[in-house]
Amino acid sequence: MQDEDEHRRERDAAEAEARRLELERLETLPIEERMAALLRRMAEFQAELNDLLPRVAAIDPDARDDGPTPG
């Protein structure tokens, strides 16, 4: 159990460092390239989300959120 926790902490720390380095790299880009890179990342995130939503809905049908409820 400790090995799993330690591995998870190391993985999380490595991912956080990778995000920090990516943000630093983005800050050095011209604004147009930075915006394009951020839009690509958003599209990748949306694709992952679209892939995960049906899995979550299969586990918990009430978990699907199609937006704000009217009212």
PDB file of N, CA and C in Angstrom:
ATOM      1  N   MET A   1       0.834  -1.197   0.000  1.00  0.00           N
ATOM      2  CA  MET A   1       0.000   0.000   0.000  1.00  0.00           C
ATOM      3  C   MET A   1       0.873   1.254   0.000  1.00  0.00           C
ATOM      4  N   GLN A   2       1.914   1.251   0.825  1.00  0.00           N
ATOM      5  CA  GLN A   2       2.802   2.412   0.875  1.00  0.00           C
ATOM      6  C   GLN A   2       3.487   2.630  -0.465  1.00  0.00           C
ATOM      7  N   ASP A   3       3.874   1.529  -1.116  1.00  0.00           N
ATOM      8  CA  ASP A   3       4.519   1.643  -2.421  1.00  0.00           C
ATOM      9  C   ASP A   3       3.582   2.300  -3.433  1.00  0.00           C
ATOM     10  N   GLU A   4       2.307   1.909  -3.390  1.00  0.00           N
ATOM     11  CA  GLU A   4       1.329   2.509  -4.304  1.00  0.00           C
ATOM     12  C   GLU A   4       1.165   3.989  -4.015  1.00  0.00           C
ATOM     13  N   ASP A   5       1.063   4.348  -2.738  1.00  0.00           N
ATOM     14  CA  ASP A   5       0.917   5.753  -2.361  1.00  0.00           C
ATOM     15  C   ASP A   5       2.142   6.559  -2.776  1.00  0.00           C
ATOM     16  N   GLU A   6       3.308   5.990  -2.553  1.00  0.00           N
ATOM     17  CA  GLU A   6       4.538   6.689  -2.930  1.00  0.00           C
ATOM     18  C   GLU A   6       4.620   6.849  -4.448  1.00  0.00           C
ATOM     19  N   HIS A   7       4.266   5.802  -5.157  1.00  0.00           N
ATOM     20  CA  HIS A   7       4.273   5.873  -6.617  1.00  0.00           C
ATOM     21  C   HIS A   7       3.298   6.941  -7.105  1.00  0.00           C
ATOM     22  N   ARG A   8       2.109   6.987  -6.506  1.00  0.00           N
ATOM     23  CA  ARG A   8       1.106   7.982  -6.890  1.00  0.00           C
ATOM     24  C   ARG A   8       1.611   9.398  -6.614  1.00  0.00           C
ATOM     25  N   ARG A   9       2.241   9.593  -5.457  1.00  0.00           N
ATOM     26  CA  ARG A   9       2.792  10.918  -5.126  1.00  0.00           C
ATOM     27  C   ARG A   9       3.890  11.319  -6.110  1.00  0.00           C
ATOM     28  N   GLU A  10       4.762  10.368  -6.440  1.00  0.00           N
ATOM     29  CA  GLU A  10       5.832  10.655  -7.404  1.00  0.00           C
ATOM     30  C   GLU A  10       5.256  10.980  -8.776  1.00  0.00           C
ATOM     31  N   ARG A  11       4.251  10.214  -9.187  1.00  0.00           N
ATOM     32  CA  ARG A  11       3.613  10.461 -10.481  1.00  0.00           C
ATOM     33  C   ARG A  11       2.935  11.827 -10.491  1.00  0.00           C
ATOM     34  N   ASP A  12       2.221  12.146  -9.412  1.00  0.00           N
ATOM     35  CA  ASP A  12       1.554  13.442  -9.325  1.00  0.00           C
ATOM     36  C   ASP A  12       2.559  14.588  -9.352  1.00  0.00           C
ATOM     37  N   ALA A  13       3.678  14.413  -8.646  1.00  0.00           N
ATOM     38  CA  ALA A  13       4.717  15.443  -8.633  1.00  0.00           C
ATOM     39  C   ALA A  13       5.328  15.610 -10.020  1.00  0.00           C
ATOM     40  N   ALA A  14       5.550  14.507 -10.720  1.00  0.00           N
ATOM     41  CA  ALA A  14       6.107  14.572 -12.075  1.00  0.00           C
ATOM     42  C   ALA A  14       5.130  15.257 -13.028  1.00  0.00           C
ATOM     43  N   GLU A  15       3.847  14.949 -12.889  1.00  0.00           N
ATOM     44  CA  GLU A  15       2.835  15.589 -13.737  1.00  0.00           C
ATOM     45  C   GLU A  15       2.748  17.085 -13.441  1.00  0.00           C
ATOM     46  N   ALA A  16       2.823  17.459 -12.182  1.00  0.00           N
ATOM     47  CA  ALA A  16       2.775  18.876 -11.813  1.00  0.00           C
ATOM     48  C   ALA A  16       3.989  19.606 -12.381  1.00  0.00           C
ATOM     49  N   GLU A  17       5.145  18.976 -12.311  1.00  0.00           N
ATOM     50  CA  GLU A  17       6.358  19.592 -12.866  1.00  0.00           C
ATOM     51  C   GLU A  17       6.242  19.735 -14.379  1.00  0.00           C
ATOM     52  N   ALA A  18       5.689  18.731 -15.049  1.00  0.00           N
ATOM     53  CA  ALA A  18       5.500  18.804 -16.501  1.00  0.00           C
ATOM     54  C   ALA A  18       4.536  19.934 -16.865  1.00  0.00           C
ATOM     55  N   ARG A  19       3.468  20.094 -16.085  1.00  0.00           N
ATOM     56  CA  ARG A  19       2.525  21.203 -16.336  1.00  0.00           C
ATOM     57  C   ARG A  19       3.203  22.548 -16.133  1.00  0.00           C
ATOM     58  N   ARG A  20       4.014  22.666 -15.076  1.00  0.00           N
ATOM     59  CA  ARG A  20       4.722  23.916 -14.804  1.00  0.00           C
ATOM     60  C   ARG A  20       5.668  24.261 -15.958  1.00  0.00           C
ATOM     61  N   LEU A  21       6.421  23.258 -16.416  1.00  0.00           N
ATOM     62  CA  LEU A  21       7.351  23.492 -17.523  1.00  0.00           C
ATOM     63  C   LEU A  21       6.613  23.869 -18.806  1.00  0.00           C
ATOM     64  N   GLU A  22       5.476  23.230 -19.054  1.00  0.00           N
ATOM     65  CA  GLU A  22       4.685  23.555 -20.241  1.00  0.00           C
ATOM     66  C   GLU A  22       4.165  24.991 -20.169  1.00  0.00           C
ATOM     67  N   LEU A  23       3.707  25.403 -19.002  1.00  0.00           N
ATOM     68  CA  LEU A  23       3.237  26.786 -18.851  1.00  0.00           C
ATOM     69  C   LEU A  23       4.371  27.783 -19.067  1.00  0.00           C
ATOM     70  N   GLU A  24       5.558  27.457 -18.552  1.00  0.00           N
ATOM     71  CA  GLU A  24       6.717  28.327 -18.778  1.00  0.00           C
ATOM     72  C   GLU A  24       7.030  28.418 -20.261  1.00  0.00           C
ATOM     73  N   ARG A  25       6.962  27.278 -20.958  1.00  0.00           N
ATOM     74  CA  ARG A  25       7.235  27.265 -22.399  1.00  0.00           C
ATOM     75  C   ARG A  25       6.197  28.107 -23.146  1.00  0.00           C
ATOM     76  N   LEU A  26       4.936  27.969 -22.759  1.00  0.00           N
ATOM     77  CA  LEU A  26       3.877  28.737 -23.421  1.00  0.00           C
ATOM     78  C   LEU A  26       4.083  30.238 -23.245  1.00  0.00           C
ATOM     79  N   GLU A  27       4.572  30.632 -22.074  1.00  0.00           N
ATOM     80  CA  GLU A  27       4.774  32.055 -21.816  1.00  0.00           C
ATOM     81  C   GLU A  27       5.820  32.676 -22.729  1.00  0.00           C
ATOM     82  N   THR A  28       6.698  31.862 -23.285  1.00  0.00           N
ATOM     83  CA  THR A  28       7.751  32.383 -24.165  1.00  0.00           C
ATOM     84  C   THR A  28       7.279  32.521 -25.601  1.00  0.00           C
ATOM     85  N   LEU A  29       6.130  31.954 -25.939  1.00  0.00           N
ATOM     86  CA  LEU A  29       5.640  31.984 -27.319  1.00  0.00           C
ATOM     87  C   LEU A  29       4.968  33.314 -27.639  1.00  0.00           C
ATOM     88  N   PRO A  30       4.988  33.692 -28.914  1.00  0.00           N
ATOM     89  CA  PRO A  30       4.172  34.843 -29.337  1.00  0.00           C
ATOM     90  C   PRO A  30       2.705  34.534 -29.039  1.00  0.00           C
ATOM     91  N   ILE A  31       1.928  35.556 -28.821  1.00  0.00           N
ATOM     92  CA  ILE A  31       0.541  35.393 -28.374  1.00  0.00           C
ATOM     93  C   ILE A  31      -0.278  34.506 -29.311  1.00  0.00           C
ATOM     94  N   GLU A  32      -0.079  34.623 -30.632  1.00  0.00           N
ATOM     95  CA  GLU A  32      -0.856  33.806 -31.573  1.00  0.00           C
ATOM     96  C   GLU A  32      -0.531  32.325 -31.402  1.00  0.00           C
ATOM     97  N   GLU A  33       0.753  32.001 -31.248  1.00  0.00           N
ATOM     98  CA  GLU A  33       1.152  30.610 -31.056  1.00  0.00           C
ATOM     99  C   GLU A  33       0.687  30.087 -29.703  1.00  0.00           C
ATOM    100  N   ARG A  34       0.734  30.943 -28.721  1.00  0.00           N
ATOM    101  CA  ARG A  34       0.277  30.558 -27.387  1.00  0.00           C
ATOM    102  C   ARG A  34      -1.216  30.227 -27.409  1.00  0.00           C
ATOM    103  N   MET A  35      -1.981  31.085 -28.070  1.00  0.00           N
ATOM    104  CA  MET A  35      -3.421  30.859 -28.171  1.00  0.00           C
ATOM    105  C   MET A  35      -3.712  29.574 -28.933  1.00  0.00           C
ATOM    106  N   ALA A  36      -2.979  29.333 -30.027  1.00  0.00           N
ATOM    107  CA  ALA A  36      -3.179  28.110 -30.806  1.00  0.00           C
ATOM    108  C   ALA A  36      -2.854  26.879 -29.954  1.00  0.00           C
ATOM    109  N   ALA A  37      -1.776  26.947 -29.186  1.00  0.00           N
ATOM    110  CA  ALA A  37      -1.394  25.819 -28.324  1.00  0.00           C
ATOM    111  C   ALA A  37      -2.455  25.576 -27.254  1.00  0.00           C
ATOM    112  N   LEU A  38      -2.977  26.632 -26.679  1.00  0.00           N
ATOM    113  CA  LEU A  38      -4.017  26.482 -25.658  1.00  0.00           C
ATOM    114  C   LEU A  38      -5.304  25.923 -26.255  1.00  0.00           C
ATOM    115  N   LEU A  39      -5.638  26.347 -27.458  1.00  0.00           N
ATOM    116  CA  LEU A  39      -6.834  25.809 -28.122  1.00  0.00           C
ATOM    117  C   LEU A  39      -6.664  24.324 -28.430  1.00  0.00           C
ATOM    118  N   ARG A  40      -5.455  23.904 -28.825  1.00  0.00           N
ATOM    119  CA  ARG A  40      -5.197  22.474 -29.058  1.00  0.00           C
ATOM    120  C   ARG A  40      -5.362  21.688 -27.764  1.00  0.00           C
ATOM    121  N   ARG A  41      -4.831  22.232 -26.676  1.00  0.00           N
ATOM    122  CA  ARG A  41      -4.954  21.556 -25.387  1.00  0.00           C
ATOM    123  C   ARG A  41      -6.419  21.450 -24.967  1.00  0.00           C
ATOM    124  N   MET A  42      -7.186  22.501 -25.219  1.00  0.00           N
ATOM    125  CA  MET A  42      -8.614  22.467 -24.889  1.00  0.00           C
ATOM    126  C   MET A  42      -9.326  21.381 -25.707  1.00  0.00           C
ATOM    127  N   ALA A  43      -8.985  21.274 -26.987  1.00  0.00           N
ATOM    128  CA  ALA A  43      -9.611  20.264 -27.845  1.00  0.00           C
ATOM    129  C   ALA A  43      -9.245  18.856 -27.369  1.00  0.00           C
ATOM    130  N   GLU A  44      -7.979  18.670 -26.958  1.00  0.00           N
ATOM    131  CA  GLU A  44      -7.560  17.366 -26.437  1.00  0.00           C
ATOM    132  C   GLU A  44      -8.323  17.029 -25.155  1.00  0.00           C
ATOM    133  N   PHE A  45      -8.459  18.012 -24.282  1.00  0.00           N
ATOM    134  CA  PHE A  45      -9.183  17.804 -23.033  1.00  0.00           C
ATOM    135  C   PHE A  45     -10.644  17.467 -23.319  1.00  0.00           C
ATOM    136  N   GLN A  46     -11.258  18.185 -24.256  1.00  0.00           N
ATOM    137  CA  GLN A  46     -12.653  17.932 -24.604  1.00  0.00           C
ATOM    138  C   GLN A  46     -12.822  16.525 -25.164  1.00  0.00           C
ATOM    139  N   ALA A  47     -11.868  16.071 -25.979  1.00  0.00           N
ATOM    140  CA  ALA A  47     -11.938  14.717 -26.534  1.00  0.00           C
ATOM    141  C   ALA A  47     -11.852  13.677 -25.411  1.00  0.00           C
ATOM    142  N   GLU A  48     -10.959  13.903 -24.447  1.00  0.00           N
ATOM    143  CA  GLU A  48     -10.861  12.986 -23.312  1.00  0.00           C
ATOM    144  C   GLU A  48     -12.155  12.982 -22.508  1.00  0.00           C
ATOM    145  N   LEU A  49     -12.708  14.156 -22.292  1.00  0.00           N
ATOM    146  CA  LEU A  49     -13.954  14.266 -21.546  1.00  0.00           C
ATOM    147  C   LEU A  49     -15.081  13.542 -22.277  1.00  0.00           C
ATOM    148  N   ASN A  50     -15.162  13.735 -23.579  1.00  0.00           N
ATOM    149  CA  ASN A  50     -16.191  13.061 -24.372  1.00  0.00           C
ATOM    150  C   ASN A  50     -16.050  11.544 -24.297  1.00  0.00           C
ATOM    151  N   ASP A  51     -14.810  11.069 -24.180  1.00  0.00           N
ATOM    152  CA  ASP A  51     -14.566   9.637 -24.057  1.00  0.00           C
ATOM    153  C   ASP A  51     -14.984   9.121 -22.681  1.00  0.00           C
ATOM    154  N   LEU A  52     -14.754   9.933 -21.648  1.00  0.00           N
ATOM    155  CA  LEU A  52     -15.038   9.495 -20.281  1.00  0.00           C
ATOM    156  C   LEU A  52     -16.510   9.590 -19.891  1.00  0.00           C
ATOM    157  N   LEU A  53     -17.231  10.549 -20.428  1.00  0.00           N
ATOM    158  CA  LEU A  53     -18.624  10.748 -20.023  1.00  0.00           C
ATOM    159  C   LEU A  53     -19.499   9.504 -20.177  1.00  0.00           C
ATOM    160  N   PRO A  54     -19.431   8.784 -21.293  1.00  0.00           N
ATOM    161  CA  PRO A  54     -20.267   7.579 -21.397  1.00  0.00           C
ATOM    162  C   PRO A  54     -19.900   6.526 -20.350  1.00  0.00           C
ATOM    163  N   ARG A  55     -18.614   6.441 -20.001  1.00  0.00           N
ATOM    164  CA  ARG A  55     -18.204   5.488 -18.973  1.00  0.00           C
ATOM    165  C   ARG A  55     -18.783   5.869 -17.621  1.00  0.00           C
ATOM    166  N   VAL A  56     -18.751   7.153 -17.298  1.00  0.00           N
ATOM    167  CA  VAL A  56     -19.312   7.618 -16.028  1.00  0.00           C
ATOM    168  C   VAL A  56     -20.816   7.401 -16.026  1.00  0.00           C
ATOM    169  N   ALA A  57     -21.461   7.707 -17.143  1.00  0.00           N
ATOM    170  CA  ALA A  57     -22.914   7.523 -17.231  1.00  0.00           C
ATOM    171  C   ALA A  57     -23.298   6.053 -17.090  1.00  0.00           C
ATOM    172  N   ALA A  58     -22.428   5.159 -17.559  1.00  0.00           N
ATOM    173  CA  ALA A  58     -22.716   3.730 -17.420  1.00  0.00           C
ATOM    174  C   ALA A  58     -22.651   3.302 -15.959  1.00  0.00           C
ATOM    175  N   ILE A  59     -21.785   3.952 -15.190  1.00  0.00           N
ATOM    176  CA  ILE A  59     -21.659   3.638 -13.766  1.00  0.00           C
ATOM    177  C   ILE A  59     -22.785   4.301 -12.983  1.00  0.00           C
ATOM    178  N   ASP A  60     -23.034   5.575 -13.289  1.00  0.00           N
ATOM    179  CA  ASP A  60     -24.051   6.351 -12.576  1.00  0.00           C
ATOM    180  C   ASP A  60     -24.832   7.182 -13.589  1.00  0.00           C
ATOM    181  N   PRO A  61     -25.973   6.675 -14.066  1.00  0.00           N
ATOM    182  CA  PRO A  61     -26.744   7.391 -15.088  1.00  0.00           C
ATOM    183  C   PRO A  61     -27.120   8.815 -14.683  1.00  0.00           C
ATOM    184  N   ASP A  62     -27.231   9.097 -13.400  1.00  0.00           N
ATOM    185  CA  ASP A  62     -27.577  10.452 -12.957  1.00  0.00           C
ATOM    186  C   ASP A  62     -26.387  11.396 -12.993  1.00  0.00           C
ATOM    187  N   ALA A  63     -25.199  10.895 -13.277  1.00  0.00           N
ATOM    188  CA  ALA A  63     -23.990  11.726 -13.260  1.00  0.00           C
ATOM    189  C   ALA A  63     -23.868  12.587 -14.506  1.00  0.00           C
ATOM    190  N   ARG A  64     -24.564  12.252 -15.555  1.00  0.00           N
ATOM    191  CA  ARG A  64     -24.448  13.013 -16.809  1.00  0.00           C
ATOM    192  C   ARG A  64     -25.040  14.408 -16.610  1.00  0.00           C
ATOM    193  N   ASP A  65     -24.274  15.400 -17.026  1.00  0.00           N
ATOM    194  CA  ASP A  65     -24.704  16.787 -16.878  1.00  0.00           C
ATOM    195  C   ASP A  65     -24.777  17.406 -18.274  1.00  0.00           C
ATOM    196  N   ASP A  66     -25.987  17.675 -18.721  1.00  0.00           N
ATOM    197  CA  ASP A  66     -26.164  18.264 -20.042  1.00  0.00           C
ATOM    198  C   ASP A  66     -26.275  19.778 -19.985  1.00  0.00           C
ATOM    199  N   GLY A  67     -25.803  20.369 -18.922  1.00  0.00           N
ATOM    200  CA  GLY A  67     -25.832  21.818 -18.795  1.00  0.00           C
ATOM    201  C   GLY A  67     -26.721  22.235 -17.647  1.00  0.00           C
ATOM    202  N   PRO A  68     -26.863  23.543 -17.484  1.00  0.00           N
ATOM    203  CA  PRO A  68     -27.669  24.052 -16.362  1.00  0.00           C
ATOM    204  C   PRO A  68     -29.142  23.673 -16.521  1.00  0.00           C
ATOM    205  N   THR A  69     -29.753  23.437 -15.412  1.00  0.00           N
ATOM    206  CA  THR A  69     -31.183  23.122 -15.419  1.00  0.00           C
ATOM    207  C   THR A  69     -31.990  24.416 -15.566  1.00  0.00           C
ATOM    208  N   PRO A  70     -32.973  24.404 -16.444  1.00  0.00           N
ATOM    209  CA  PRO A  70     -33.798  25.618 -16.600  1.00  0.00           C
ATOM    210  C   PRO A  70     -34.546  25.936 -15.305  1.00  0.00           C
ATOM    211  N   GLY A  71     -34.736  27.190 -15.094  1.00  0.00           N
ATOM    212  CA  GLY A  71     -35.559  27.529 -13.957  1.00  0.00           C
ATOM    213  C   GLY A  71     -34.945  28.543 -13.149  1.00  0.00           C
TER     214      GLY A  71
END
